[in-house]
Every structure is written in structure tokens, then in C-alpha cells.
Amino acid sequence: MKKLQVLGTGCAKCDTLAETAKKAAEELGLEYEFEKISDMMRFADFGVMVTPALLVDGVLKVSGKVPSSDEMKRLLQS
């Protein structure tokens, strides 16, 4: 099971990243656990300085942008 974590303050880009990640995981047929982290004090714990950010199984995959659907699928599979 993959653990997907989206770090963001709740802005439109953060919400889009969360939806893109969930949709890509479902299209790939992945079992996943989702967590949205909005506490800015925790961002540094993950080495994130720019949001939105996506971590997959604790590994930072993207920060500061929302990848395309195809790019998201590649990130989730790697």
C-alpha cells in the first residue's frame, strides 16, 4: 500500500495536487493511504520549502508545482 501525503496550506494548487494524486492512484489501481498536511511547522520536517508538495512513501516526489496526470502516474509508479 502506498502512502500519499500532500503538504500545503489549502490553496487551489494544493487541492488540485491532492485530487490529481488520488485520481492517478485510482487509475493505476493502487491501494493507497492519503494524508493532507496543512501545518506549516511540519513542512520543514519533510524538507519542504515550497508547496504544494507530494510525498510517496515518505519520499519527496514533487514540490512547488502540480504535475500532469501522466507525470503523476509516473511519479506514483517509481
C-alpha atoms as a PDB file:
ATOM      1  CA  MET A   1       0.000   0.000   0.000  1.00  0.00           C
ATOM      2  CA  LYS A   2       1.352   3.422  -0.990  1.00  0.00           C
ATOM      3  CA  LYS A   3       1.268   6.308   1.450  1.00  0.00           C
ATOM      4  CA  LEU A   4       0.472   9.586  -0.302  1.00  0.00           C
ATOM      5  CA  GLN A   5       0.985  12.816   1.596  1.00  0.00           C
ATOM      6  CA  VAL A   6       0.151  16.254   0.219  1.00  0.00           C
ATOM      7  CA  LEU A   7       1.669  19.202   2.021  1.00  0.00           C
ATOM      8  CA  GLY A   8       0.012  22.550   1.505  1.00  0.00           C
ATOM      9  CA  THR A   9      -1.827  25.395   3.127  1.00  0.00           C
ATOM     10  CA  GLY A  10      -5.160  24.671   1.453  1.00  0.00           C
ATOM     11  CA  CYS A  11      -4.692  26.827  -1.652  1.00  0.00           C
ATOM     12  CA  ALA A  12      -6.189  25.907  -5.024  1.00  0.00           C
ATOM     13  CA  LYS A  13      -2.909  24.350  -6.228  1.00  0.00           C
ATOM     14  CA  CYS A  14      -2.727  22.219  -3.080  1.00  0.00           C
ATOM     15  CA  ASP A  15      -6.264  20.946  -3.632  1.00  0.00           C
ATOM     16  CA  THR A  16      -5.509  20.253  -7.306  1.00  0.00           C
ATOM     17  CA  LEU A  17      -2.358  18.299  -6.382  1.00  0.00           C
ATOM     18  CA  ALA A  18      -4.340  16.199  -3.902  1.00  0.00           C
ATOM     19  CA  GLU A  19      -7.060  15.411  -6.453  1.00  0.00           C
ATOM     20  CA  THR A  20      -4.531  14.654  -9.195  1.00  0.00           C
ATOM     21  CA  ALA A  21      -2.642  12.250  -6.921  1.00  0.00           C
ATOM     22  CA  LYS A  22      -5.811  10.433  -5.827  1.00  0.00           C
ATOM     23  CA  LYS A  23      -7.143  10.146  -9.377  1.00  0.00           C
ATOM     24  CA  ALA A  24      -3.815   8.842 -10.723  1.00  0.00           C
ATOM     25  CA  ALA A  25      -3.564   6.266  -7.920  1.00  0.00           C
ATOM     26  CA  GLU A  26      -7.100   5.054  -8.610  1.00  0.00           C
ATOM     27  CA  GLU A  27      -6.493   4.875 -12.380  1.00  0.00           C
ATOM     28  CA  LEU A  28      -3.372   2.785 -11.710  1.00  0.00           C
ATOM     29  CA  GLY A  29      -5.348   0.512  -9.387  1.00  0.00           C
ATOM     30  CA  LEU A  30      -3.050   1.282  -6.453  1.00  0.00           C
ATOM     31  CA  GLU A  31      -4.067   0.738  -2.873  1.00  0.00           C
ATOM     32  CA  TYR A  32      -3.170   3.887  -1.018  1.00  0.00           C
ATOM     33  CA  GLU A  33      -3.469   5.773   2.222  1.00  0.00           C
ATOM     34  CA  PHE A  34      -3.918   9.537   1.837  1.00  0.00           C
ATOM     35  CA  GLU A  35      -2.934  12.287   4.252  1.00  0.00           C
ATOM     36  CA  LYS A  36      -3.144  16.037   3.762  1.00  0.00           C
ATOM     37  CA  ILE A  37      -0.767  18.042   5.942  1.00  0.00           C
ATOM     38  CA  SER A  38      -1.528  21.740   6.319  1.00  0.00           C
ATOM     39  CA  ASP A  39       0.535  22.513   9.447  1.00  0.00           C
ATOM     40  CA  MET A  40       3.361  24.702   8.104  1.00  0.00           C
ATOM     41  CA  MET A  41       5.541  23.786  11.091  1.00  0.00           C
ATOM     42  CA  ARG A  42       5.635  20.180   9.814  1.00  0.00           C
ATOM     43  CA  PHE A  43       6.697  21.099   6.262  1.00  0.00           C
ATOM     44  CA  ALA A  44      10.334  21.523   7.295  1.00  0.00           C
ATOM     45  CA  ASP A  45      10.267  18.054   8.887  1.00  0.00           C
ATOM     46  CA  PHE A  46       9.910  16.712   5.358  1.00  0.00           C
ATOM     47  CA  GLY A  47      12.452  19.090   3.814  1.00  0.00           C
ATOM     48  CA  VAL A  48       9.711  21.001   2.009  1.00  0.00           C
ATOM     49  CA  MET A  49      10.193  24.720   1.489  1.00  0.00           C
ATOM     50  CA  VAL A  50       7.742  25.282  -1.387  1.00  0.00           C
ATOM     51  CA  THR A  51       4.178  23.978  -1.538  1.00  0.00           C
ATOM     52  CA  PRO A  52       2.248  22.222  -2.785  1.00  0.00           C
ATOM     53  CA  ALA A  53       4.353  19.114  -2.277  1.00  0.00           C
ATOM     54  CA  LEU A  54       3.761  15.396  -2.680  1.00  0.00           C
ATOM     55  CA  LEU A  55       5.480  12.639  -0.750  1.00  0.00           C
ATOM     56  CA  VAL A  56       5.081   8.998  -1.730  1.00  0.00           C
ATOM     57  CA  ASP A  57       6.059   6.536   0.985  1.00  0.00           C
ATOM     58  CA  GLY A  58       7.938   9.354   2.745  1.00  0.00           C
ATOM     59  CA  VAL A  59       9.948  10.363  -0.350  1.00  0.00           C
ATOM     60  CA  LEU A  60       9.511  13.876  -1.762  1.00  0.00           C
ATOM     61  CA  LYS A  61       8.375  13.478  -5.380  1.00  0.00           C
ATOM     62  CA  VAL A  62       7.273  16.999  -6.346  1.00  0.00           C
ATOM     63  CA  SER A  63       7.360  20.452  -4.784  1.00  0.00           C
ATOM     64  CA  GLY A  64       6.080  23.812  -5.962  1.00  0.00           C
ATOM     65  CA  LYS A  65       4.006  22.588  -8.901  1.00  0.00           C
ATOM     66  CA  VAL A  66       1.139  20.358  -9.946  1.00  0.00           C
ATOM     67  CA  PRO A  67       2.288  17.665 -12.388  1.00  0.00           C
ATOM     68  CA  SER A  68       0.169  16.500 -15.313  1.00  0.00           C
ATOM     69  CA  SER A  69      -1.887  13.354 -14.928  1.00  0.00           C
ATOM     70  CA  ASP A  70       0.651  11.289 -16.902  1.00  0.00           C
ATOM     71  CA  GLU A  71       3.572  12.691 -14.935  1.00  0.00           C
ATOM     72  CA  MET A  72       1.737  11.938 -11.683  1.00  0.00           C
ATOM     73  CA  LYS A  73       1.255   8.319 -12.730  1.00  0.00           C
ATOM     74  CA  ARG A  74       4.984   8.017 -13.424  1.00  0.00           C
ATOM     75  CA  LEU A  75       5.783   9.509 -10.006  1.00  0.00           C
ATOM     76  CA  LEU A  76       3.478   7.051  -8.256  1.00  0.00           C
ATOM     77  CA  GLN A  77       4.945   4.069 -10.102  1.00  0.00           C
ATOM     78  CA  SER A  78       8.597   4.947  -9.440  1.00  0.00           C
END
